[in-house]
């Protein structure tokens, strides 16, 4: 499965590892929610249900992703 979905209250975070280039901007913006795989450097969703207090950080991660691999709904 290339996409991972998690719910954060009313927020749904989707990460597409197939389009991820491993830039790490998501980790810089929201390190409690995202990390990078040691094997391939691609995004890994750490917290499948991040608290509402991290919603702005998750949105920042989405906007900084150069490949638009993070979707927040």
PDB file of N, CA and C in Angstrom:
ATOM      1  N   UNK A   1       0.849  -1.177   0.000  1.00  0.00           N
ATOM      2  CA  UNK A   1       0.000   0.000   0.000  1.00  0.00           C
ATOM      3  C   UNK A   1       0.889   1.233   0.000  1.00  0.00           C
ATOM      4  N   UNK A   2       0.660   2.156  -0.890  1.00  0.00           N
ATOM      5  CA  UNK A   2       1.518   3.324  -1.031  1.00  0.00           C
ATOM      6  C   UNK A   2       1.027   4.522  -0.233  1.00  0.00           C
ATOM      7  N   UNK A   3      -0.200   4.526   0.180  1.00  0.00           N
ATOM      8  CA  UNK A   3      -0.739   5.660   0.919  1.00  0.00           C
ATOM      9  C   UNK A   3      -1.178   5.202   2.299  1.00  0.00           C
ATOM     10  N   UNK A   4      -0.992   6.081   3.260  1.00  0.00           N
ATOM     11  CA  UNK A   4      -1.391   5.797   4.631  1.00  0.00           C
ATOM     12  C   UNK A   4      -2.360   6.885   5.041  1.00  0.00           C
ATOM     13  N   UNK A   5      -3.488   6.493   5.611  1.00  0.00           N
ATOM     14  CA  UNK A   5      -4.459   7.468   6.072  1.00  0.00           C
ATOM     15  C   UNK A   5      -4.595   7.368   7.578  1.00  0.00           C
ATOM     16  N   UNK A   6      -4.749   8.510   8.212  1.00  0.00           N
ATOM     17  CA  UNK A   6      -4.967   8.561   9.647  1.00  0.00           C
ATOM     18  C   UNK A   6      -5.945   9.687   9.937  1.00  0.00           C
ATOM     19  N   UNK A   7      -6.723   9.518  10.989  1.00  0.00           N
ATOM     20  CA  UNK A   7      -7.653  10.571  11.351  1.00  0.00           C
ATOM     21  C   UNK A   7      -7.107  11.356  12.528  1.00  0.00           C
ATOM     22  N   UNK A   8      -7.263  12.658  12.473  1.00  0.00           N
ATOM     23  CA  UNK A   8      -6.858  13.546  13.561  1.00  0.00           C
ATOM     24  C   UNK A   8      -8.060  14.421  13.873  1.00  0.00           C
ATOM     25  N   UNK A   9      -8.967  13.888  14.673  1.00  0.00           N
ATOM     26  CA  UNK A   9     -10.217  14.592  14.895  1.00  0.00           C
ATOM     27  C   UNK A   9     -11.000  14.578  13.603  1.00  0.00           C
ATOM     28  N   UNK A  10     -11.195  15.742  13.017  1.00  0.00           N
ATOM     29  CA  UNK A  10     -11.885  15.805  11.731  1.00  0.00           C
ATOM     30  C   UNK A  10     -10.899  15.867  10.571  1.00  0.00           C
ATOM     31  N   UNK A  11      -9.604  15.837  10.879  1.00  0.00           N
ATOM     32  CA  UNK A  11      -8.565  15.919   9.858  1.00  0.00           C
ATOM     33  C   UNK A  11      -8.145  14.524   9.426  1.00  0.00           C
ATOM     34  N   UNK A  12      -8.012  14.321   8.121  1.00  0.00           N
ATOM     35  CA  UNK A  12      -7.487  13.070   7.587  1.00  0.00           C
ATOM     36  C   UNK A  12      -6.164  13.392   6.901  1.00  0.00           C
ATOM     37  N   UNK A  13      -5.097  12.723   7.337  1.00  0.00           N
ATOM     38  CA  UNK A  13      -3.772  12.921   6.768  1.00  0.00           C
ATOM     39  C   UNK A  13      -3.463  11.731   5.870  1.00  0.00           C
ATOM     40  N   UNK A  14      -3.123  12.006   4.607  1.00  0.00           N
ATOM     41  CA  UNK A  14      -2.746  10.958   3.665  1.00  0.00           C
ATOM     42  C   UNK A  14      -1.327  11.222   3.194  1.00  0.00           C
ATOM     43  N   UNK A  15      -0.487  10.194   3.261  1.00  0.00           N
ATOM     44  CA  UNK A  15       0.906  10.297   2.836  1.00  0.00           C
ATOM     45  C   UNK A  15       1.123   9.332   1.679  1.00  0.00           C
ATOM     46  N   UNK A  16       1.635   9.843   0.570  1.00  0.00           N
ATOM     47  CA  UNK A  16       1.912   9.010  -0.594  1.00  0.00           C
ATOM     48  C   UNK A  16       3.420   8.800  -0.710  1.00  0.00           C
ATOM     49  N   UNK A  17       3.886   7.618  -0.304  1.00  0.00           N
ATOM     50  CA  UNK A  17       5.317   7.310  -0.344  1.00  0.00           C
ATOM     51  C   UNK A  17       5.831   7.152  -1.772  1.00  0.00           C
ATOM     52  N   UNK A  18       4.969   6.833  -2.711  1.00  0.00           N
ATOM     53  CA  UNK A  18       5.416   6.664  -4.100  1.00  0.00           C
ATOM     54  C   UNK A  18       5.863   7.979  -4.725  1.00  0.00           C
ATOM     55  N   UNK A  19       5.231   9.079  -4.335  1.00  0.00           N
ATOM     56  CA  UNK A  19       5.625  10.368  -4.904  1.00  0.00           C
ATOM     57  C   UNK A  19       6.621  11.125  -4.026  1.00  0.00           C
ATOM     58  N   UNK A  20       6.844  10.665  -2.811  1.00  0.00           N
ATOM     59  CA  UNK A  20       7.774  11.320  -1.884  1.00  0.00           C
ATOM     60  C   UNK A  20       9.198  11.269  -2.437  1.00  0.00           C
ATOM     61  N   UNK A  21       9.917  12.401  -2.324  1.00  0.00           N
ATOM     62  CA  UNK A  21      11.313  12.449  -2.787  1.00  0.00           C
ATOM     63  C   UNK A  21      12.300  12.447  -1.621  1.00  0.00           C
ATOM     64  N   UNK A  22      11.791  12.437  -0.381  1.00  0.00           N
ATOM     65  CA  UNK A  22      12.669  12.377   0.784  1.00  0.00           C
ATOM     66  C   UNK A  22      13.313  13.705   1.158  1.00  0.00           C
ATOM     67  N   UNK A  23      12.690  14.824   0.807  1.00  0.00           N
ATOM     68  CA  UNK A  23      13.257  16.144   1.114  1.00  0.00           C
ATOM     69  C   UNK A  23      13.286  16.429   2.616  1.00  0.00           C
ATOM     70  N   UNK A  24      12.368  15.830   3.372  1.00  0.00           N
ATOM     71  CA  UNK A  24      12.365  15.975   4.824  1.00  0.00           C
ATOM     72  C   UNK A  24      11.708  17.235   5.351  1.00  0.00           C
ATOM     73  N   UNK A  25      11.059  18.012   4.502  1.00  0.00           N
ATOM     74  CA  UNK A  25      10.400  19.235   4.956  1.00  0.00           C
ATOM     75  C   UNK A  25       9.267  18.937   5.935  1.00  0.00           C
ATOM     76  N   UNK A  26       8.601  17.808   5.760  1.00  0.00           N
ATOM     77  CA  UNK A  26       7.522  17.418   6.666  1.00  0.00           C
ATOM     78  C   UNK A  26       8.057  17.157   8.071  1.00  0.00           C
ATOM     79  N   UNK A  27       9.230  16.546   8.146  1.00  0.00           N
ATOM     80  CA  UNK A  27       9.850  16.246   9.440  1.00  0.00           C
ATOM     81  C   UNK A  27      10.234  17.540  10.148  1.00  0.00           C
ATOM     82  N   UNK A  28      10.746  18.503   9.402  1.00  0.00           N
ATOM     83  CA  UNK A  28      11.103  19.793   9.992  1.00  0.00           C
ATOM     84  C   UNK A  28       9.866  20.534  10.498  1.00  0.00           C
ATOM     85  N   UNK A  29       8.764  20.441   9.775  1.00  0.00           N
ATOM     86  CA  UNK A  29       7.540  21.155  10.139  1.00  0.00           C
ATOM     87  C   UNK A  29       6.768  20.475  11.264  1.00  0.00           C
ATOM     88  N   UNK A  30       6.751  19.144  11.273  1.00  0.00           N
ATOM     89  CA  UNK A  30       5.941  18.405  12.251  1.00  0.00           C
ATOM     90  C   UNK A  30       6.645  17.112  12.661  1.00  0.00           C
ATOM     91  N   UNK A  31       7.734  17.213  13.429  1.00  0.00           N
ATOM     92  CA  UNK A  31       8.509  16.020  13.793  1.00  0.00           C
ATOM     93  C   UNK A  31       7.763  15.025  14.682  1.00  0.00           C
ATOM     94  N   UNK A  32       6.693  15.461  15.327  1.00  0.00           N
ATOM     95  CA  UNK A  32       5.904  14.538  16.140  1.00  0.00           C
ATOM     96  C   UNK A  32       4.978  13.683  15.281  1.00  0.00           C
ATOM     97  N   UNK A  33       4.798  14.078  14.025  1.00  0.00           N
ATOM     98  CA  UNK A  33       3.859  13.388  13.142  1.00  0.00           C
ATOM     99  C   UNK A  33       4.565  12.623  12.029  1.00  0.00           C
ATOM    100  N   UNK A  34       5.674  13.185  11.520  1.00  0.00           N
ATOM    101  CA  UNK A  34       6.376  12.584  10.388  1.00  0.00           C
ATOM    102  C   UNK A  34       7.833  12.291  10.730  1.00  0.00           C
ATOM    103  N   UNK A  35       8.372  11.245  10.128  1.00  0.00           N
ATOM    104  CA  UNK A  35       9.801  10.977  10.156  1.00  0.00           C
ATOM    105  C   UNK A  35      10.176  10.444   8.780  1.00  0.00           C
ATOM    106  N   UNK A  36      11.459  10.135   8.626  1.00  0.00           N
ATOM    107  CA  UNK A  36      11.920   9.553   7.368  1.00  0.00           C
ATOM    108  C   UNK A  36      12.458   8.161   7.641  1.00  0.00           C
ATOM    109  N   UNK A  37      12.182   7.253   6.740  1.00  0.00           N
ATOM    110  CA  UNK A  37      12.659   5.880   6.839  1.00  0.00           C
ATOM    111  C   UNK A  37      14.180   5.853   6.766  1.00  0.00           C
ATOM    112  N   UNK A  38      14.800   5.082   7.646  1.00  0.00           N
ATOM    113  CA  UNK A  38      16.252   4.914   7.596  1.00  0.00           C
ATOM    114  C   UNK A  38      16.668   4.125   6.360  1.00  0.00           C
ATOM    115  N   UNK A  39      15.769   3.300   5.839  1.00  0.00           N
ATOM    116  CA  UNK A  39      16.084   2.469   4.677  1.00  0.00           C
ATOM    117  C   UNK A  39      16.097   3.248   3.366  1.00  0.00           C
ATOM    118  N   UNK A  40      15.039   4.043   3.124  1.00  0.00           N
ATOM    119  CA  UNK A  40      14.937   4.720   1.826  1.00  0.00           C
ATOM    120  C   UNK A  40      14.786   6.237   1.926  1.00  0.00           C
ATOM    121  N   UNK A  41      14.720   6.778   3.137  1.00  0.00           N
ATOM    122  CA  UNK A  41      14.623   8.217   3.323  1.00  0.00           C
ATOM    123  C   UNK A  41      13.257   8.817   3.049  1.00  0.00           C
ATOM    124  N   UNK A  42      12.282   7.969   2.754  1.00  0.00           N
ATOM    125  CA  UNK A  42      10.945   8.461   2.431  1.00  0.00           C
ATOM    126  C   UNK A  42      10.123   8.687   3.696  1.00  0.00           C
ATOM    127  N   UNK A  43       9.070   9.458   3.560  1.00  0.00           N
ATOM    128  CA  UNK A  43       8.220   9.835   4.682  1.00  0.00           C
ATOM    129  C   UNK A  43       7.588   8.613   5.349  1.00  0.00           C
ATOM    130  N   UNK A  44       7.493   8.696   6.678  1.00  0.00           N
ATOM    131  CA  UNK A  44       6.795   7.704   7.490  1.00  0.00           C
ATOM    132  C   UNK A  44       5.874   8.481   8.425  1.00  0.00           C
ATOM    133  N   UNK A  45       4.625   8.088   8.482  1.00  0.00           N
ATOM    134  CA  UNK A  45       3.663   8.722   9.377  1.00  0.00           C
ATOM    135  C   UNK A  45       3.849   8.133  10.770  1.00  0.00           C
ATOM    136  N   UNK A  46       4.305   8.946  11.725  1.00  0.00           N
ATOM    137  CA  UNK A  46       4.576   8.478  13.081  1.00  0.00           C
ATOM    138  C   UNK A  46       3.334   8.360  13.941  1.00  0.00           C
ATOM    139  N   UNK A  47       2.504   9.355  13.863  1.00  0.00           N
ATOM    140  CA  UNK A  47       1.338   9.419  14.739  1.00  0.00           C
ATOM    141  C   UNK A  47       0.078   9.284  13.900  1.00  0.00           C
ATOM    142  N   UNK A  48      -0.569   8.137  13.960  1.00  0.00           N
ATOM    143  CA  UNK A  48      -1.752   7.921  13.134  1.00  0.00           C
ATOM    144  C   UNK A  48      -2.958   8.761  13.565  1.00  0.00           C
ATOM    145  N   UNK A  49      -2.875   9.385  14.743  1.00  0.00           N
ATOM    146  CA  UNK A  49      -3.978  10.216  15.226  1.00  0.00           C
ATOM    147  C   UNK A  49      -3.407  11.428  15.960  1.00  0.00           C
ATOM    148  N   UNK A  50      -2.764  12.348  15.232  1.00  0.00           N
ATOM    149  CA  UNK A  50      -2.141  13.491  15.902  1.00  0.00           C
ATOM    150  C   UNK A  50      -3.181  14.375  16.576  1.00  0.00           C
ATOM    151  N   UNK A  51      -2.839  14.935  17.724  1.00  0.00           N
ATOM    152  CA  UNK A  51      -3.790  15.791  18.432  1.00  0.00           C
ATOM    153  C   UNK A  51      -4.098  17.064  17.651  1.00  0.00           C
ATOM    154  N   UNK A  52      -5.220  17.657  17.966  1.00  0.00           N
ATOM    155  CA  UNK A  52      -5.663  18.872  17.274  1.00  0.00           C
ATOM    156  C   UNK A  52      -4.628  19.982  17.375  1.00  0.00           C
ATOM    157  N   UNK A  53      -3.846  19.993  18.435  1.00  0.00           N
ATOM    158  CA  UNK A  53      -2.816  21.006  18.612  1.00  0.00           C
ATOM    159  C   UNK A  53      -1.720  20.954  17.563  1.00  0.00           C
ATOM    160  N   UNK A  54      -1.619  19.846  16.844  1.00  0.00           N
ATOM    161  CA  UNK A  54      -0.610  19.699  15.792  1.00  0.00           C
ATOM    162  C   UNK A  54      -1.169  19.975  14.396  1.00  0.00           C
ATOM    163  N   UNK A  55      -2.428  20.328  14.333  1.00  0.00           N
ATOM    164  CA  UNK A  55      -3.075  20.535  13.030  1.00  0.00           C
ATOM    165  C   UNK A  55      -2.347  21.584  12.188  1.00  0.00           C
ATOM    166  N   UNK A  56      -1.943  22.705  12.794  1.00  0.00           N
ATOM    167  CA  UNK A  56      -1.234  23.741  12.037  1.00  0.00           C
ATOM    168  C   UNK A  56       0.110  23.231  11.529  1.00  0.00           C
ATOM    169  N   UNK A  57       0.813  22.457  12.357  1.00  0.00           N
ATOM    170  CA  UNK A  57       2.106  21.900  11.945  1.00  0.00           C
ATOM    171  C   UNK A  57       1.935  20.926  10.785  1.00  0.00           C
ATOM    172  N   UNK A  58       0.869  20.127  10.828  1.00  0.00           N
ATOM    173  CA  UNK A  58       0.599  19.183   9.740  1.00  0.00           C
ATOM    174  C   UNK A  58       0.276  19.946   8.453  1.00  0.00           C
ATOM    175  N   UNK A  59      -0.488  21.000   8.555  1.00  0.00           N
ATOM    176  CA  UNK A  59      -0.798  21.825   7.376  1.00  0.00           C
ATOM    177  C   UNK A  59       0.471  22.485   6.827  1.00  0.00           C
ATOM    178  N   UNK A  60       1.359  22.908   7.726  1.00  0.00           N
ATOM    179  CA  UNK A  60       2.633  23.495   7.298  1.00  0.00           C
ATOM    180  C   UNK A  60       3.469  22.443   6.567  1.00  0.00           C
ATOM    181  N   UNK A  61       3.495  21.230   7.099  1.00  0.00           N
ATOM    182  CA  UNK A  61       4.218  20.137   6.437  1.00  0.00           C
ATOM    183  C   UNK A  61       3.661  19.904   5.040  1.00  0.00           C
ATOM    184  N   UNK A  62       2.352  19.918   4.927  1.00  0.00           N
ATOM    185  CA  UNK A  62       1.710  19.738   3.622  1.00  0.00           C
ATOM    186  C   UNK A  62       2.133  20.834   2.651  1.00  0.00           C
ATOM    187  N   UNK A  63       2.128  22.070   3.097  1.00  0.00           N
ATOM    188  CA  UNK A  63       2.450  23.172   2.187  1.00  0.00           C
ATOM    189  C   UNK A  63       3.928  23.213   1.810  1.00  0.00           C
ATOM    190  N   UNK A  64       4.796  22.658   2.652  1.00  0.00           N
ATOM    191  CA  UNK A  64       6.234  22.663   2.367  1.00  0.00           C
ATOM    192  C   UNK A  64       6.703  21.444   1.572  1.00  0.00           C
ATOM    193  N   UNK A  65       5.830  20.466   1.383  1.00  0.00           N
ATOM    194  CA  UNK A  65       6.218  19.251   0.663  1.00  0.00           C
ATOM    195  C   UNK A  65       6.424  19.568  -0.825  1.00  0.00           C
ATOM    196  N   UNK A  66       7.653  19.388  -1.339  1.00  0.00           N
ATOM    197  CA  UNK A  66       7.923  19.747  -2.736  1.00  0.00           C
ATOM    198  C   UNK A  66       7.221  18.855  -3.757  1.00  0.00           C
ATOM    199  N   UNK A  67       6.827  17.655  -3.358  1.00  0.00           N
ATOM    200  CA  UNK A  67       6.164  16.746  -4.298  1.00  0.00           C
ATOM    201  C   UNK A  67       4.671  16.601  -4.018  1.00  0.00           C
ATOM    202  N   UNK A  68       4.168  17.389  -3.064  1.00  0.00           N
ATOM    203  CA  UNK A  68       2.743  17.341  -2.703  1.00  0.00           C
ATOM    204  C   UNK A  68       2.305  15.924  -2.328  1.00  0.00           C
ATOM    205  N   UNK A  69       3.142  15.249  -1.559  1.00  0.00           N
ATOM    206  CA  UNK A  69       2.867  13.869  -1.158  1.00  0.00           C
ATOM    207  C   UNK A  69       2.014  13.770   0.098  1.00  0.00           C
ATOM    208  N   UNK A  70       1.686  14.899   0.699  1.00  0.00           N
ATOM    209  CA  UNK A  70       0.859  14.926   1.904  1.00  0.00           C
ATOM    210  C   UNK A  70      -0.452  15.620   1.560  1.00  0.00           C
ATOM    211  N   UNK A  71      -1.548  14.945   1.871  1.00  0.00           N
ATOM    212  CA  UNK A  71      -2.867  15.523   1.680  1.00  0.00           C
ATOM    213  C   UNK A  71      -3.536  15.612   3.040  1.00  0.00           C
ATOM    214  N   UNK A  72      -4.117  16.760   3.339  1.00  0.00           N
ATOM    215  CA  UNK A  72      -4.835  16.956   4.597  1.00  0.00           C
ATOM    216  C   UNK A  72      -6.250  17.376   4.250  1.00  0.00           C
ATOM    217  N   UNK A  73      -7.216  16.610   4.766  1.00  0.00           N
ATOM    218  CA  UNK A  73      -8.639  16.930   4.541  1.00  0.00           C
ATOM    219  C   UNK A  73      -9.335  17.050   5.864  1.00  0.00           C
TER     220      UNK A  73
END
